[in-house]
């Protein structure tokens, strides 16, 4: 189960880093830039630990799917970026795909 914890924290770190990219203004602002770099460093380190037990295709599918949903939520709530109906449906389909992978795929470690 530790691999899923690593992947979850990696995703959260990546989402935090991505959330600060806009305020880093092309890495010209030092504070937000440091947050981006530290968060991405944590994210990729933990992702590398995850890949010891979860196949790369599965880990990346979960990483990207959950990351897309979370960053869209952050964009909407924190940055005031609107999501139209097709965007919400598309994100829902991505999340559904991650759920299907985790529940039904024999390629996904369940323990």
N, C-alpha and C. Protein backbone atom coordinates (compact mmCIF):
# COMPACT_ATOMS: atom_id res chain seq x y z
N UNK A 1 0.81 -1.21 0.00
CA UNK A 1 0.00 0.00 0.00
C UNK A 1 0.85 1.27 0.00
N UNK A 2 2.11 1.16 0.41
CA UNK A 2 2.97 2.33 0.48
C UNK A 2 3.15 2.97 -0.90
N UNK A 3 3.13 2.14 -1.95
CA UNK A 3 3.30 2.69 -3.30
C UNK A 3 2.17 3.66 -3.66
N UNK A 4 0.95 3.37 -3.19
CA UNK A 4 -0.17 4.27 -3.47
C UNK A 4 -0.04 5.57 -2.68
N UNK A 5 0.50 5.49 -1.47
CA UNK A 5 0.75 6.70 -0.69
C UNK A 5 1.79 7.57 -1.39
N UNK A 6 2.88 6.96 -1.85
CA UNK A 6 3.90 7.70 -2.59
C UNK A 6 3.29 8.38 -3.82
N UNK A 7 2.48 7.64 -4.55
CA UNK A 7 1.88 8.20 -5.76
C UNK A 7 0.92 9.34 -5.41
N UNK A 8 0.14 9.17 -4.36
CA UNK A 8 -0.79 10.23 -3.94
C UNK A 8 -0.07 11.51 -3.55
N UNK A 9 0.98 11.38 -2.76
CA UNK A 9 1.74 12.56 -2.35
C UNK A 9 2.45 13.18 -3.56
N UNK A 10 2.94 12.34 -4.47
CA UNK A 10 3.57 12.85 -5.69
C UNK A 10 2.58 13.68 -6.50
N UNK A 11 1.37 13.20 -6.62
CA UNK A 11 0.34 13.92 -7.37
C UNK A 11 0.03 15.26 -6.71
N UNK A 12 -0.14 15.26 -5.41
CA UNK A 12 -0.44 16.50 -4.68
C UNK A 12 0.72 17.48 -4.83
N UNK A 13 1.96 17.00 -4.72
CA UNK A 13 3.12 17.89 -4.88
C UNK A 13 3.16 18.47 -6.29
N UNK A 14 2.87 17.65 -7.29
CA UNK A 14 2.86 18.13 -8.68
C UNK A 14 1.77 19.17 -8.88
N UNK A 15 0.61 18.96 -8.30
CA UNK A 15 -0.49 19.92 -8.44
C UNK A 15 -0.15 21.24 -7.74
N UNK A 16 0.47 21.18 -6.58
CA UNK A 16 0.89 22.40 -5.90
C UNK A 16 1.91 23.14 -6.76
N UNK A 17 2.91 22.41 -7.26
CA UNK A 17 3.92 23.03 -8.12
C UNK A 17 3.31 23.67 -9.35
N UNK A 18 2.41 22.96 -10.00
CA UNK A 18 1.76 23.49 -11.20
C UNK A 18 0.91 24.71 -10.86
N UNK A 19 0.29 24.70 -9.70
CA UNK A 19 -0.53 25.84 -9.28
C UNK A 19 0.30 27.11 -9.11
N UNK A 20 1.57 26.95 -8.78
CA UNK A 20 2.44 28.11 -8.58
C UNK A 20 3.16 28.55 -9.86
N UNK A 21 3.02 27.79 -10.95
CA UNK A 21 3.70 28.16 -12.19
C UNK A 21 3.30 29.53 -12.70
N UNK A 22 2.01 29.83 -12.65
CA UNK A 22 1.54 31.12 -13.14
C UNK A 22 2.16 32.27 -12.35
N UNK A 23 2.16 32.14 -11.02
CA UNK A 23 2.71 33.22 -10.20
C UNK A 23 4.24 33.28 -10.25
N UNK A 24 4.89 32.24 -10.75
CA UNK A 24 6.34 32.27 -10.92
C UNK A 24 6.73 33.17 -12.09
N UNK A 25 5.77 33.47 -12.95
CA UNK A 25 5.96 34.38 -14.09
C UNK A 25 7.23 34.06 -14.88
N UNK A 26 7.25 32.84 -15.42
CA UNK A 26 8.40 32.43 -16.23
C UNK A 26 9.68 32.28 -15.42
N UNK A 27 9.54 31.92 -14.17
CA UNK A 27 10.65 31.76 -13.23
C UNK A 27 11.40 33.08 -12.99
N UNK A 28 10.69 34.19 -13.08
CA UNK A 28 11.29 35.50 -12.78
C UNK A 28 11.02 35.94 -11.34
N UNK A 29 10.09 35.27 -10.67
CA UNK A 29 9.80 35.57 -9.26
C UNK A 29 10.35 34.43 -8.41
N UNK A 30 11.25 34.74 -7.51
CA UNK A 30 12.03 33.73 -6.80
C UNK A 30 11.18 32.84 -5.88
N UNK A 31 10.28 33.42 -5.09
CA UNK A 31 9.49 32.62 -4.14
C UNK A 31 8.65 31.56 -4.82
N UNK A 32 7.76 31.95 -5.72
CA UNK A 32 6.95 30.94 -6.41
C UNK A 32 7.81 29.96 -7.22
N UNK A 33 8.92 30.45 -7.77
CA UNK A 33 9.80 29.57 -8.56
C UNK A 33 10.40 28.47 -7.69
N UNK A 34 10.80 28.82 -6.48
CA UNK A 34 11.35 27.83 -5.56
C UNK A 34 10.29 26.80 -5.19
N UNK A 35 9.07 27.26 -4.94
CA UNK A 35 7.97 26.34 -4.62
C UNK A 35 7.75 25.36 -5.77
N UNK A 36 7.75 25.86 -7.00
CA UNK A 36 7.57 25.00 -8.18
C UNK A 36 8.67 23.95 -8.22
N UNK A 37 9.90 24.37 -8.10
CA UNK A 37 11.03 23.44 -8.22
C UNK A 37 11.05 22.39 -7.09
N UNK A 38 10.79 22.83 -5.87
CA UNK A 38 10.77 21.90 -4.74
C UNK A 38 9.63 20.90 -4.89
N UNK A 39 8.45 21.39 -5.24
CA UNK A 39 7.30 20.50 -5.39
C UNK A 39 7.52 19.49 -6.52
N UNK A 40 8.05 19.97 -7.66
CA UNK A 40 8.33 19.04 -8.76
C UNK A 40 9.40 18.03 -8.38
N UNK A 41 10.41 18.46 -7.63
CA UNK A 41 11.45 17.53 -7.17
C UNK A 41 10.86 16.44 -6.29
N UNK A 42 10.02 16.83 -5.35
CA UNK A 42 9.34 15.86 -4.48
C UNK A 42 8.47 14.93 -5.31
N UNK A 43 7.71 15.51 -6.23
CA UNK A 43 6.78 14.73 -7.05
C UNK A 43 7.52 13.66 -7.85
N UNK A 44 8.59 14.05 -8.52
CA UNK A 44 9.30 13.08 -9.36
C UNK A 44 10.08 12.06 -8.54
N UNK A 45 10.59 12.45 -7.39
CA UNK A 45 11.25 11.49 -6.52
C UNK A 45 10.25 10.42 -6.05
N UNK A 46 9.10 10.88 -5.57
CA UNK A 46 8.09 9.92 -5.10
C UNK A 46 7.53 9.08 -6.24
N UNK A 47 7.38 9.67 -7.41
CA UNK A 47 6.95 8.88 -8.57
C UNK A 47 7.97 7.80 -8.87
N UNK A 48 9.26 8.10 -8.76
CA UNK A 48 10.29 7.09 -9.01
C UNK A 48 10.20 5.94 -8.01
N UNK A 49 9.85 6.24 -6.76
CA UNK A 49 9.66 5.18 -5.77
C UNK A 49 8.43 4.33 -6.11
N UNK A 50 7.40 5.00 -6.59
CA UNK A 50 6.17 4.32 -6.97
C UNK A 50 6.43 3.30 -8.08
N UNK A 51 7.33 3.66 -9.00
CA UNK A 51 7.57 2.81 -10.16
C UNK A 51 8.32 1.53 -9.83
N UNK A 52 8.75 1.37 -8.58
CA UNK A 52 9.35 0.10 -8.15
C UNK A 52 8.31 -1.01 -8.09
N UNK A 53 7.03 -0.63 -7.87
CA UNK A 53 5.99 -1.66 -7.70
C UNK A 53 4.79 -1.50 -8.64
N UNK A 54 4.57 -0.30 -9.15
CA UNK A 54 3.44 -0.07 -10.06
C UNK A 54 3.99 0.09 -11.47
N UNK A 55 3.45 -0.61 -12.46
CA UNK A 55 3.92 -0.44 -13.83
C UNK A 55 3.82 1.02 -14.27
N UNK A 56 4.79 1.47 -15.07
CA UNK A 56 4.87 2.87 -15.45
C UNK A 56 3.60 3.36 -16.16
N UNK A 57 3.00 2.55 -17.00
CA UNK A 57 1.78 2.96 -17.70
C UNK A 57 0.63 3.20 -16.76
N UNK A 58 0.49 2.35 -15.77
CA UNK A 58 -0.58 2.49 -14.78
C UNK A 58 -0.30 3.70 -13.90
N UNK A 59 0.92 3.81 -13.40
CA UNK A 59 1.26 4.94 -12.52
C UNK A 59 1.06 6.26 -13.25
N UNK A 60 1.48 6.31 -14.50
CA UNK A 60 1.35 7.57 -15.23
C UNK A 60 -0.10 7.88 -15.56
N UNK A 61 -0.89 6.86 -15.83
CA UNK A 61 -2.32 7.08 -16.09
C UNK A 61 -3.00 7.67 -14.85
N UNK A 62 -2.70 7.11 -13.69
CA UNK A 62 -3.28 7.61 -12.44
C UNK A 62 -2.75 9.02 -12.17
N UNK A 63 -1.44 9.19 -12.30
CA UNK A 63 -0.79 10.50 -12.08
C UNK A 63 -1.43 11.58 -12.93
N UNK A 64 -1.53 11.31 -14.22
CA UNK A 64 -2.04 12.34 -15.12
C UNK A 64 -3.54 12.55 -14.95
N UNK A 65 -4.30 11.48 -14.79
CA UNK A 65 -5.75 11.61 -14.64
C UNK A 65 -6.15 12.37 -13.39
N UNK A 66 -5.60 11.95 -12.27
CA UNK A 66 -5.93 12.63 -11.01
C UNK A 66 -5.36 14.05 -11.01
N UNK A 67 -4.15 14.20 -11.56
CA UNK A 67 -3.54 15.52 -11.64
C UNK A 67 -4.36 16.49 -12.47
N UNK A 68 -4.86 16.03 -13.61
CA UNK A 68 -5.70 16.87 -14.46
C UNK A 68 -6.95 17.33 -13.71
N UNK A 69 -7.59 16.38 -13.05
CA UNK A 69 -8.82 16.73 -12.32
C UNK A 69 -8.52 17.72 -11.19
N UNK A 70 -7.45 17.47 -10.44
CA UNK A 70 -7.14 18.36 -9.32
C UNK A 70 -6.71 19.75 -9.79
N UNK A 71 -5.90 19.82 -10.83
CA UNK A 71 -5.44 21.14 -11.28
C UNK A 71 -6.59 21.92 -11.91
N UNK A 72 -7.53 21.22 -12.54
CA UNK A 72 -8.71 21.91 -13.07
C UNK A 72 -9.55 22.47 -11.91
N UNK A 73 -9.65 21.70 -10.84
CA UNK A 73 -10.38 22.15 -9.65
C UNK A 73 -9.68 23.36 -9.02
N UNK A 74 -8.37 23.32 -8.90
CA UNK A 74 -7.61 24.45 -8.36
C UNK A 74 -7.80 25.68 -9.26
N UNK A 75 -7.72 25.47 -10.57
CA UNK A 75 -7.92 26.58 -11.50
C UNK A 75 -9.28 27.22 -11.35
N UNK A 76 -10.28 26.40 -11.14
CA UNK A 76 -11.65 26.89 -10.98
C UNK A 76 -11.83 27.61 -9.65
N UNK A 77 -11.42 26.96 -8.55
CA UNK A 77 -11.67 27.50 -7.21
C UNK A 77 -10.72 28.64 -6.85
N UNK A 78 -9.44 28.44 -7.10
CA UNK A 78 -8.43 29.40 -6.65
C UNK A 78 -8.19 30.51 -7.69
N UNK A 79 -8.10 30.13 -8.96
CA UNK A 79 -7.75 31.10 -9.99
C UNK A 79 -8.95 31.66 -10.73
N UNK A 80 -10.15 31.18 -10.40
CA UNK A 80 -11.36 31.70 -11.01
C UNK A 80 -11.50 31.38 -12.49
N UNK A 81 -10.90 30.28 -12.93
CA UNK A 81 -10.98 29.88 -14.33
C UNK A 81 -12.23 29.03 -14.55
N UNK A 82 -13.06 29.46 -15.49
CA UNK A 82 -14.33 28.78 -15.73
C UNK A 82 -14.13 27.45 -16.44
N UNK A 83 -14.98 26.50 -16.11
CA UNK A 83 -15.03 25.21 -16.80
C UNK A 83 -16.40 25.10 -17.46
N UNK A 84 -16.41 24.91 -18.77
CA UNK A 84 -17.70 24.73 -19.44
C UNK A 84 -18.10 23.25 -19.39
N UNK A 85 -19.28 22.97 -19.87
CA UNK A 85 -19.82 21.61 -19.79
C UNK A 85 -18.93 20.58 -20.48
N UNK A 86 -18.44 20.83 -21.70
CA UNK A 86 -17.55 19.84 -22.32
C UNK A 86 -16.28 19.58 -21.49
N UNK A 87 -15.74 20.62 -20.86
CA UNK A 87 -14.55 20.44 -20.02
C UNK A 87 -14.86 19.55 -18.82
N UNK A 88 -15.98 19.79 -18.19
CA UNK A 88 -16.38 18.99 -17.03
C UNK A 88 -16.63 17.55 -17.44
N UNK A 89 -17.29 17.34 -18.56
CA UNK A 89 -17.54 15.97 -19.05
C UNK A 89 -16.21 15.28 -19.36
N UNK A 90 -15.31 15.98 -20.03
CA UNK A 90 -14.00 15.40 -20.37
C UNK A 90 -13.21 15.01 -19.14
N UNK A 91 -13.18 15.89 -18.15
CA UNK A 91 -12.46 15.59 -16.91
C UNK A 91 -13.12 14.41 -16.20
N UNK A 92 -14.45 14.36 -16.22
CA UNK A 92 -15.16 13.23 -15.63
C UNK A 92 -14.81 11.92 -16.31
N UNK A 93 -14.65 11.94 -17.62
CA UNK A 93 -14.27 10.73 -18.35
C UNK A 93 -12.84 10.29 -18.00
N UNK A 94 -11.95 11.26 -17.82
CA UNK A 94 -10.58 10.93 -17.41
C UNK A 94 -10.58 10.27 -16.03
N UNK A 95 -11.30 10.87 -15.10
CA UNK A 95 -11.39 10.31 -13.75
C UNK A 95 -12.03 8.92 -13.80
N UNK A 96 -13.05 8.75 -14.62
CA UNK A 96 -13.69 7.43 -14.77
C UNK A 96 -12.68 6.40 -15.27
N UNK A 97 -11.83 6.80 -16.19
CA UNK A 97 -10.80 5.89 -16.69
C UNK A 97 -9.84 5.45 -15.60
N UNK A 98 -9.45 6.37 -14.74
CA UNK A 98 -8.57 6.04 -13.62
C UNK A 98 -9.26 5.07 -12.67
N UNK A 99 -10.53 5.30 -12.41
CA UNK A 99 -11.29 4.40 -11.53
C UNK A 99 -11.37 3.00 -12.14
N UNK A 100 -11.66 2.91 -13.42
CA UNK A 100 -11.73 1.61 -14.11
C UNK A 100 -10.39 0.89 -14.01
N UNK A 101 -9.30 1.62 -14.25
CA UNK A 101 -7.97 1.03 -14.13
C UNK A 101 -7.75 0.42 -12.76
N UNK A 102 -8.08 1.18 -11.73
CA UNK A 102 -7.80 0.74 -10.37
C UNK A 102 -8.72 -0.37 -9.88
N UNK A 103 -9.94 -0.41 -10.36
CA UNK A 103 -10.87 -1.42 -9.87
C UNK A 103 -10.80 -2.70 -10.69
N UNK A 104 -10.67 -2.58 -12.01
CA UNK A 104 -10.83 -3.75 -12.86
C UNK A 104 -9.55 -4.28 -13.51
N UNK A 105 -8.49 -3.50 -13.57
CA UNK A 105 -7.30 -3.94 -14.27
C UNK A 105 -6.45 -4.89 -13.44
N UNK A 106 -6.05 -5.99 -14.04
CA UNK A 106 -5.14 -6.91 -13.34
C UNK A 106 -3.70 -6.38 -13.40
N UNK A 107 -3.45 -5.32 -14.15
CA UNK A 107 -2.12 -4.70 -14.22
C UNK A 107 -1.84 -3.81 -13.04
N UNK A 108 -2.86 -3.50 -12.27
CA UNK A 108 -2.73 -2.59 -11.13
C UNK A 108 -2.54 -3.38 -9.85
N UNK A 109 -1.45 -3.12 -9.09
CA UNK A 109 -1.27 -3.81 -7.81
C UNK A 109 -2.36 -3.38 -6.83
N UNK A 110 -2.97 -4.33 -6.18
CA UNK A 110 -4.06 -4.05 -5.23
C UNK A 110 -3.67 -4.40 -3.80
N UNK A 111 -2.57 -3.90 -3.37
CA UNK A 111 -2.23 -4.24 -2.00
C UNK A 111 -0.90 -3.78 -1.56
